[in-house]
Amino acid sequence: MKNRVRELRNDHGWSQADLAERLEVSRQTVNAIETGKYDPSLPLAFRIARLFGLSIETIFEPDP
């Protein structure tokens, strides 16, 4: 799944550790999401969307 997490995190000036702390996950989880190695659970996707004030569909896009 493609996502804009890295772009949004950088726009806010946050490190992966900063974002991980805000989401209550590990930095490794943030890295795995950003690199497409891990698709977040639905509850985590909602937390990410709420944190950035965007819809899930704006952040995550399924692979064709």
N, C-alpha and C. Protein backbone atom coordinates (compact mmCIF):
# COMPACT_ATOMS: atom_id res chain seq x y z
N MET A 1 0.84 -1.17 0.00
CA MET A 1 0.00 0.00 0.00
C MET A 1 0.90 1.24 0.00
N LYS A 2 0.59 2.16 -0.90
CA LYS A 2 1.34 3.42 -0.92
C LYS A 2 0.80 4.33 0.18
N ASN A 3 1.68 5.17 0.72
CA ASN A 3 1.21 6.10 1.74
C ASN A 3 2.06 7.37 1.73
N ARG A 4 1.53 8.40 2.38
CA ARG A 4 2.20 9.70 2.45
C ARG A 4 2.74 9.99 3.85
N VAL A 5 2.93 8.97 4.66
CA VAL A 5 3.33 9.18 6.06
C VAL A 5 4.67 9.91 6.14
N ARG A 6 5.66 9.48 5.38
CA ARG A 6 6.98 10.13 5.44
C ARG A 6 6.86 11.61 5.04
N GLU A 7 6.14 11.86 3.97
CA GLU A 7 5.96 13.25 3.49
C GLU A 7 5.27 14.10 4.57
N LEU A 8 4.21 13.59 5.16
CA LEU A 8 3.48 14.35 6.18
C LEU A 8 4.34 14.55 7.43
N ARG A 9 5.08 13.52 7.81
CA ARG A 9 5.96 13.63 8.98
C ARG A 9 7.01 14.71 8.75
N ASN A 10 7.62 14.70 7.56
CA ASN A 10 8.63 15.70 7.23
C ASN A 10 8.04 17.11 7.19
N ASP A 11 6.82 17.23 6.67
CA ASP A 11 6.15 18.54 6.63
C ASP A 11 5.97 19.12 8.03
N HIS A 12 5.80 18.24 9.02
CA HIS A 12 5.64 18.68 10.40
C HIS A 12 6.97 18.84 11.13
N GLY A 13 8.06 18.44 10.47
CA GLY A 13 9.38 18.56 11.09
C GLY A 13 9.62 17.54 12.17
N TRP A 14 8.94 16.39 12.09
CA TRP A 14 9.08 15.36 13.10
C TRP A 14 10.03 14.26 12.64
N SER A 15 10.76 13.72 13.59
CA SER A 15 11.57 12.53 13.30
C SER A 15 10.65 11.31 13.37
N GLN A 16 11.17 10.17 12.95
CA GLN A 16 10.39 8.94 13.08
C GLN A 16 10.08 8.67 14.55
N ALA A 17 11.04 8.97 15.42
CA ALA A 17 10.83 8.76 16.86
C ALA A 17 9.73 9.68 17.39
N ASP A 18 9.70 10.93 16.91
CA ASP A 18 8.65 11.87 17.33
C ASP A 18 7.27 11.34 16.95
N LEU A 19 7.15 10.90 15.70
CA LEU A 19 5.86 10.38 15.24
C LEU A 19 5.49 9.12 16.00
N ALA A 20 6.45 8.24 16.22
CA ALA A 20 6.19 7.01 16.96
C ALA A 20 5.66 7.31 18.35
N GLU A 21 6.25 8.29 19.01
CA GLU A 21 5.81 8.66 20.35
C GLU A 21 4.37 9.17 20.32
N ARG A 22 4.05 10.00 19.34
CA ARG A 22 2.69 10.54 19.23
C ARG A 22 1.67 9.44 18.94
N LEU A 23 2.09 8.41 18.22
CA LEU A 23 1.18 7.32 17.86
C LEU A 23 1.23 6.16 18.85
N GLU A 24 2.15 6.22 19.80
CA GLU A 24 2.34 5.16 20.80
C GLU A 24 2.70 3.83 20.14
N VAL A 25 3.64 3.91 19.18
CA VAL A 25 4.19 2.72 18.53
C VAL A 25 5.71 2.87 18.53
N SER A 26 6.41 1.85 18.07
CA SER A 26 7.87 1.94 18.01
C SER A 26 8.33 2.72 16.77
N ARG A 27 9.55 3.22 16.83
CA ARG A 27 10.12 3.90 15.67
C ARG A 27 10.22 2.92 14.50
N GLN A 28 10.50 1.65 14.81
CA GLN A 28 10.61 0.64 13.78
C GLN A 28 9.27 0.45 13.04
N THR A 29 8.17 0.58 13.77
CA THR A 29 6.85 0.48 13.14
C THR A 29 6.65 1.63 12.17
N VAL A 30 7.01 2.84 12.58
CA VAL A 30 6.88 4.00 11.69
C VAL A 30 7.74 3.79 10.45
N ASN A 31 8.96 3.33 10.63
CA ASN A 31 9.85 3.07 9.49
C ASN A 31 9.23 2.03 8.55
N ALA A 32 8.69 0.96 9.10
CA ALA A 32 8.10 -0.10 8.28
C ALA A 32 6.88 0.40 7.51
N ILE A 33 6.09 1.26 8.11
CA ILE A 33 4.94 1.84 7.42
C ILE A 33 5.42 2.73 6.29
N GLU A 34 6.40 3.58 6.58
CA GLU A 34 6.90 4.52 5.57
C GLU A 34 7.52 3.80 4.37
N THR A 35 8.18 2.69 4.61
CA THR A 35 8.85 1.97 3.52
C THR A 35 7.93 0.95 2.85
N GLY A 36 6.69 0.85 3.31
CA GLY A 36 5.74 -0.06 2.70
C GLY A 36 5.91 -1.52 3.08
N LYS A 37 6.71 -1.77 4.12
CA LYS A 37 6.93 -3.14 4.57
C LYS A 37 5.83 -3.61 5.51
N TYR A 38 5.03 -2.67 6.01
CA TYR A 38 3.99 -2.99 6.97
C TYR A 38 2.80 -2.08 6.70
N ASP A 39 1.62 -2.67 6.58
CA ASP A 39 0.39 -1.89 6.47
C ASP A 39 -0.21 -1.79 7.86
N PRO A 40 -0.50 -0.57 8.31
CA PRO A 40 -1.01 -0.41 9.68
C PRO A 40 -2.39 -1.03 9.84
N SER A 41 -2.69 -1.41 11.07
CA SER A 41 -4.03 -1.88 11.39
C SER A 41 -5.00 -0.72 11.18
N LEU A 42 -6.27 -1.02 11.09
CA LEU A 42 -7.26 0.03 10.90
C LEU A 42 -7.25 1.04 12.05
N PRO A 43 -7.21 0.59 13.33
CA PRO A 43 -7.14 1.56 14.41
C PRO A 43 -5.91 2.48 14.32
N LEU A 44 -4.75 1.91 13.93
CA LEU A 44 -3.55 2.73 13.80
C LEU A 44 -3.68 3.69 12.62
N ALA A 45 -4.27 3.24 11.53
CA ALA A 45 -4.50 4.12 10.38
C ALA A 45 -5.39 5.30 10.77
N PHE A 46 -6.42 5.04 11.58
CA PHE A 46 -7.29 6.13 12.06
C PHE A 46 -6.51 7.09 12.96
N ARG A 47 -5.62 6.57 13.82
CA ARG A 47 -4.81 7.45 14.68
C ARG A 47 -3.90 8.33 13.84
N ILE A 48 -3.29 7.75 12.80
CA ILE A 48 -2.42 8.52 11.91
C ILE A 48 -3.23 9.62 11.23
N ALA A 49 -4.39 9.26 10.70
CA ALA A 49 -5.23 10.23 10.00
C ALA A 49 -5.66 11.35 10.94
N ARG A 50 -6.08 11.00 12.16
CA ARG A 50 -6.48 12.03 13.13
C ARG A 50 -5.32 12.96 13.47
N LEU A 51 -4.15 12.38 13.67
CA LEU A 51 -2.98 13.17 14.04
C LEU A 51 -2.67 14.22 12.97
N PHE A 52 -2.78 13.85 11.70
CA PHE A 52 -2.49 14.78 10.62
C PHE A 52 -3.71 15.57 10.17
N GLY A 53 -4.89 15.28 10.73
CA GLY A 53 -6.09 16.00 10.37
C GLY A 53 -6.54 15.73 8.95
N LEU A 54 -6.31 14.50 8.47
CA LEU A 54 -6.66 14.13 7.10
C LEU A 54 -7.48 12.84 7.13
N SER A 55 -8.10 12.52 6.00
CA SER A 55 -8.82 11.26 5.90
C SER A 55 -7.83 10.13 5.63
N ILE A 56 -8.23 8.93 5.98
CA ILE A 56 -7.38 7.77 5.72
C ILE A 56 -7.07 7.68 4.22
N GLU A 57 -8.09 7.95 3.39
CA GLU A 57 -7.92 7.84 1.94
C GLU A 57 -6.91 8.84 1.40
N THR A 58 -6.72 9.96 2.09
CA THR A 58 -5.75 10.96 1.68
C THR A 58 -4.34 10.51 1.96
N ILE A 59 -4.17 9.68 2.98
CA ILE A 59 -2.84 9.23 3.42
C ILE A 59 -2.46 7.89 2.81
N PHE A 60 -3.42 6.98 2.73
CA PHE A 60 -3.13 5.63 2.25
C PHE A 60 -3.85 5.36 0.94
N GLU A 61 -3.13 4.72 0.03
CA GLU A 61 -3.68 4.39 -1.28
C GLU A 61 -3.34 2.95 -1.61
N PRO A 62 -4.35 2.13 -1.90
CA PRO A 62 -4.06 0.72 -2.20
C PRO A 62 -3.23 0.60 -3.47
N ASP A 63 -2.41 -0.43 -3.52
CA ASP A 63 -1.64 -0.72 -4.73
C ASP A 63 -2.59 -1.13 -5.84
N PRO A 64 -2.29 -0.76 -7.08
CA PRO A 64 -3.17 -1.14 -8.19
C PRO A 64 -3.18 -2.64 -8.42
